[in-house]
């Protein structure tokens, strides 16, 4: 496999590998939002929010446009939500396997 492609994949996944960035993406499921909405809805500082959005922008996961004084963000590829859903599904499956294993233990 091409090392450059592997590095690009790793960088993309790293951009998703933070709870705040996942919260931001989940918030964008309902449509585009301005930075001020993230700070209110997710109870985040504007500077912190902007840093996380910059990481997502660098990986082309989100993009933004200006409307007057507001900066509006949107997801570039709606398939990102399928990826987030798949991760949740896998985590639920792991928890189920663990719980099933624990249920079979003798106390």
Foldseek 3Di string as FASTA:
>chain_A
DDPVVVVLVVLQVVLVPDPLLVVVVVVCVVHKDWLVCCCVVVVHDSVVSVVSVVSCVVNQQKDWDDDPPTIIIHGPDPCVVVVVVVVVVVVVVVVVVVVVVVVPDDD
